[in-house]
Amino acid sequence: MSVVNPHKGRVGLPRLVHALGHSMAGLKVAFRDESAFRQEVLASLVLAPLACWLAGDWKELVLLLGSLLLVLIVELLNSGLEAAIDRISYEHHELSKRAKDLGSAAVLVALVLCGLVWGLALWARLS
């Protein structure tokens, strides 16, 4: 027997509009409450115009901008994970620490990838 979710009644355009509202609320909360997200958004706003100069072609531009977006995406997922864990309990638990550490590691990997993409593009441009 399947359980009917009362929140899944919308279809088509009304569903998309409703989902967009939740997405915008999430971005607003992340920008308001997550300093790392604010810093990464600011860095992205500074670097995005620079990507137009740095990129040799449209493929490089996509890689440069995509690496910035990837950092923001992973930061949002990490923030959501941390919020869910904090909702469960603030007390120290090894599994909670593990989950938060893994989320933080994912952000680090995204930042390293972004740095590599930008570093290689800069090297190609200046050499």
C-alpha atoms as a PDB file:
ATOM      1  CA  MET A   1       0.000   0.000   0.000  1.00  0.00           C
ATOM      2  CA  SER A   2       1.438   3.376  -0.965  1.00  0.00           C
ATOM      3  CA  VAL A   3       1.169   6.431   1.229  1.00  0.00           C
ATOM      4  CA  VAL A   4      -0.202   9.549  -0.461  1.00  0.00           C
ATOM      5  CA  ASN A   5       1.809  12.676   0.262  1.00  0.00           C
ATOM      6  CA  PRO A   6      -0.569  15.660   0.589  1.00  0.00           C
ATOM      7  CA  HIS A   7       2.239  18.017  -0.494  1.00  0.00           C
ATOM      8  CA  LYS A   8       2.613  16.372  -3.908  1.00  0.00           C
ATOM      9  CA  GLY A   9      -0.747  17.426  -5.376  1.00  0.00           C
ATOM     10  CA  ARG A  10       0.496  20.087  -7.781  1.00  0.00           C
ATOM     11  CA  VAL A  11       1.436  19.280 -11.354  1.00  0.00           C
ATOM     12  CA  GLY A  12       2.683  21.236 -14.342  1.00  0.00           C
ATOM     13  CA  LEU A  13       3.313  24.961 -14.105  1.00  0.00           C
ATOM     14  CA  PRO A  14       1.772  25.377 -10.608  1.00  0.00           C
ATOM     15  CA  ARG A  15       4.230  22.761  -9.316  1.00  0.00           C
ATOM     16  CA  LEU A  16       7.161  24.580 -10.918  1.00  0.00           C
ATOM     17  CA  VAL A  17       6.075  27.932  -9.486  1.00  0.00           C
ATOM     18  CA  HIS A  18       5.626  26.377  -6.033  1.00  0.00           C
ATOM     19  CA  ALA A  19       9.042  24.681  -6.240  1.00  0.00           C
ATOM     20  CA  LEU A  20      10.655  27.940  -7.359  1.00  0.00           C
ATOM     21  CA  GLY A  21       9.276  29.607  -4.232  1.00  0.00           C
ATOM     22  CA  HIS A  22      10.978  26.988  -2.046  1.00  0.00           C
ATOM     23  CA  SER A  23      14.212  27.357  -4.010  1.00  0.00           C
ATOM     24  CA  MET A  24      14.224  31.132  -3.593  1.00  0.00           C
ATOM     25  CA  ALA A  25      13.495  30.747   0.131  1.00  0.00           C
ATOM     26  CA  GLY A  26      16.467  28.388   0.405  1.00  0.00           C
ATOM     27  CA  LEU A  27      18.773  30.836  -1.349  1.00  0.00           C
ATOM     28  CA  LYS A  28      17.550  33.648   0.908  1.00  0.00           C
ATOM     29  CA  VAL A  29      18.154  31.585   4.065  1.00  0.00           C
ATOM     30  CA  ALA A  30      21.590  30.492   2.863  1.00  0.00           C
ATOM     31  CA  PHE A  31      22.616  34.057   2.072  1.00  0.00           C
ATOM     32  CA  ARG A  32      21.251  35.362   5.380  1.00  0.00           C
ATOM     33  CA  ASP A  33      22.558  32.626   7.694  1.00  0.00           C
ATOM     34  CA  GLU A  34      25.611  31.048   6.052  1.00  0.00           C
ATOM     35  CA  SER A  35      28.712  33.248   5.985  1.00  0.00           C
ATOM     36  CA  ALA A  36      30.640  30.765   3.817  1.00  0.00           C
ATOM     37  CA  PHE A  37      27.870  30.912   1.203  1.00  0.00           C
ATOM     38  CA  ARG A  38      27.927  34.728   1.254  1.00  0.00           C
ATOM     39  CA  GLN A  39      31.704  34.730   0.788  1.00  0.00           C
ATOM     40  CA  GLU A  40      31.479  32.272  -2.099  1.00  0.00           C
ATOM     41  CA  VAL A  41      28.706  34.288  -3.767  1.00  0.00           C
ATOM     42  CA  LEU A  42      30.816  37.445  -3.454  1.00  0.00           C
ATOM     43  CA  ALA A  43      33.865  35.658  -4.886  1.00  0.00           C
ATOM     44  CA  SER A  44      31.725  34.328  -7.742  1.00  0.00           C
ATOM     45  CA  LEU A  45      30.373  37.796  -8.525  1.00  0.00           C
ATOM     46  CA  VAL A  46      33.935  39.125  -8.707  1.00  0.00           C
ATOM     47  CA  LEU A  47      35.319  36.184 -10.693  1.00  0.00           C
ATOM     48  CA  ALA A  48      32.460  35.707 -13.192  1.00  0.00           C
ATOM     49  CA  PRO A  49      33.265  38.844 -15.236  1.00  0.00           C
ATOM     50  CA  LEU A  50      36.963  37.952 -15.061  1.00  0.00           C
ATOM     51  CA  ALA A  51      36.102  34.572 -16.590  1.00  0.00           C
ATOM     52  CA  CYS A  52      35.009  36.331 -19.779  1.00  0.00           C
ATOM     53  CA  TRP A  53      38.510  37.793 -20.168  1.00  0.00           C
ATOM     54  CA  LEU A  54      40.337  34.678 -19.007  1.00  0.00           C
ATOM     55  CA  ALA A  55      38.510  32.126 -21.150  1.00  0.00           C
ATOM     56  CA  GLY A  56      40.023  31.366 -24.538  1.00  0.00           C
ATOM     57  CA  ASP A  57      36.750  30.014 -25.907  1.00  0.00           C
ATOM     58  CA  TRP A  58      33.211  29.176 -24.826  1.00  0.00           C
ATOM     59  CA  LYS A  59      34.265  25.769 -23.451  1.00  0.00           C
ATOM     60  CA  GLU A  60      36.744  27.358 -21.076  1.00  0.00           C
ATOM     61  CA  LEU A  61      34.127  29.913 -20.066  1.00  0.00           C
ATOM     62  CA  VAL A  62      31.696  27.115 -19.228  1.00  0.00           C
ATOM     63  CA  LEU A  63      34.380  25.359 -17.154  1.00  0.00           C
ATOM     64  CA  LEU A  64      35.295  28.533 -15.274  1.00  0.00           C
ATOM     65  CA  LEU A  65      31.696  29.506 -14.522  1.00  0.00           C
ATOM     66  CA  GLY A  66      30.671  25.895 -13.891  1.00  0.00           C
ATOM     67  CA  SER A  67      33.395  25.480 -11.280  1.00  0.00           C
ATOM     68  CA  LEU A  68      32.072  28.559  -9.456  1.00  0.00           C
ATOM     69  CA  LEU A  69      28.515  27.229  -9.564  1.00  0.00           C
ATOM     70  CA  LEU A  70      29.684  23.823  -8.340  1.00  0.00           C
ATOM     71  CA  VAL A  71      31.170  25.419  -5.221  1.00  0.00           C
ATOM     72  CA  LEU A  72      27.844  27.160  -4.512  1.00  0.00           C
ATOM     73  CA  ILE A  73      25.860  23.961  -5.093  1.00  0.00           C
ATOM     74  CA  VAL A  74      28.052  21.887  -2.791  1.00  0.00           C
ATOM     75  CA  GLU A  75      27.967  24.617  -0.125  1.00  0.00           C
ATOM     76  CA  LEU A  76      24.151  24.640  -0.256  1.00  0.00           C
ATOM     77  CA  LEU A  77      24.029  20.851   0.101  1.00  0.00           C
ATOM     78  CA  ASN A  78      26.503  20.966   2.992  1.00  0.00           C
ATOM     79  CA  SER A  79      24.470  23.670   4.740  1.00  0.00           C
ATOM     80  CA  GLY A  80      21.296  21.623   4.305  1.00  0.00           C
ATOM     81  CA  LEU A  81      23.006  18.541   5.712  1.00  0.00           C
ATOM     82  CA  GLU A  82      24.272  20.483   8.722  1.00  0.00           C
ATOM     83  CA  ALA A  83      20.822  21.971   9.352  1.00  0.00           C
ATOM     84  CA  ALA A  84      19.198  18.527   9.240  1.00  0.00           C
ATOM     85  CA  ILE A  85      21.765  17.123  11.677  1.00  0.00           C
ATOM     86  CA  ASP A  86      21.317  20.082  14.028  1.00  0.00           C
ATOM     87  CA  ARG A  87      17.534  19.534  13.841  1.00  0.00           C
ATOM     88  CA  ILE A  88      18.019  15.998  15.113  1.00  0.00           C
ATOM     89  CA  SER A  89      20.243  16.970  18.038  1.00  0.00           C
ATOM     90  CA  TYR A  90      22.956  19.388  19.106  1.00  0.00           C
ATOM     91  CA  GLU A  91      24.590  16.796  21.352  1.00  0.00           C
ATOM     92  CA  HIS A  92      27.870  15.335  20.167  1.00  0.00           C
ATOM     93  CA  HIS A  93      27.496  12.071  18.271  1.00  0.00           C
ATOM     94  CA  GLU A  94      30.168  10.397  16.186  1.00  0.00           C
ATOM     95  CA  LEU A  95      27.821   9.842  13.218  1.00  0.00           C
ATOM     96  CA  SER A  96      26.748  13.494  13.258  1.00  0.00           C
ATOM     97  CA  LYS A  97      30.387  14.568  13.300  1.00  0.00           C
ATOM     98  CA  ARG A  98      31.162  12.164  10.484  1.00  0.00           C
ATOM     99  CA  ALA A  99      28.324  13.478   8.320  1.00  0.00           C
ATOM    100  CA  LYS A 100      29.328  17.100   8.924  1.00  0.00           C
ATOM    101  CA  ASP A 101      32.995  16.328   8.230  1.00  0.00           C
ATOM    102  CA  LEU A 102      32.078  14.584   4.972  1.00  0.00           C
ATOM    103  CA  GLY A 103      29.978  17.567   3.901  1.00  0.00           C
ATOM    104  CA  SER A 104      32.858  19.888   4.705  1.00  0.00           C
ATOM    105  CA  ALA A 105      35.226  17.660   2.739  1.00  0.00           C
ATOM    106  CA  ALA A 106      32.887  17.865  -0.256  1.00  0.00           C
ATOM    107  CA  VAL A 107      33.090  21.665  -0.128  1.00  0.00           C
ATOM    108  CA  LEU A 108      36.882  21.443   0.062  1.00  0.00           C
ATOM    109  CA  VAL A 109      37.017  19.154  -2.986  1.00  0.00           C
ATOM    110  CA  ALA A 110      34.791  21.571  -4.938  1.00  0.00           C
ATOM    111  CA  LEU A 111      37.024  24.496  -3.942  1.00  0.00           C
ATOM    112  CA  VAL A 112      40.184  22.604  -4.959  1.00  0.00           C
ATOM    113  CA  LEU A 113      38.621  21.734  -8.318  1.00  0.00           C
ATOM    114  CA  CYS A 114      37.620  25.373  -8.807  1.00  0.00           C
ATOM    115  CA  GLY A 115      41.135  26.511  -7.950  1.00  0.00           C
ATOM    116  CA  LEU A 116      42.649  24.022 -10.401  1.00  0.00           C
ATOM    117  CA  VAL A 117      40.327  25.074 -13.222  1.00  0.00           C
ATOM    118  CA  TRP A 118      41.019  28.763 -12.626  1.00  0.00           C
ATOM    119  CA  GLY A 119      44.746  28.213 -12.127  1.00  0.00           C
ATOM    120  CA  LEU A 120      45.098  26.250 -15.354  1.00  0.00           C
ATOM    121  CA  ALA A 121      43.050  28.804 -17.283  1.00  0.00           C
ATOM    122  CA  LEU A 122      45.205  31.617 -15.924  1.00  0.00           C
ATOM    123  CA  TRP A 123      48.380  29.712 -16.776  1.00  0.00           C
ATOM    124  CA  ALA A 124      47.132  29.075 -20.331  1.00  0.00           C
ATOM    125  CA  ARG A 125      46.193  32.745 -20.744  1.00  0.00           C
ATOM    126  CA  LEU A 126      49.498  34.122 -19.449  1.00  0.00           C
ATOM    127  CA  SER A 127      51.848  31.671 -21.185  1.00  0.00           C
END
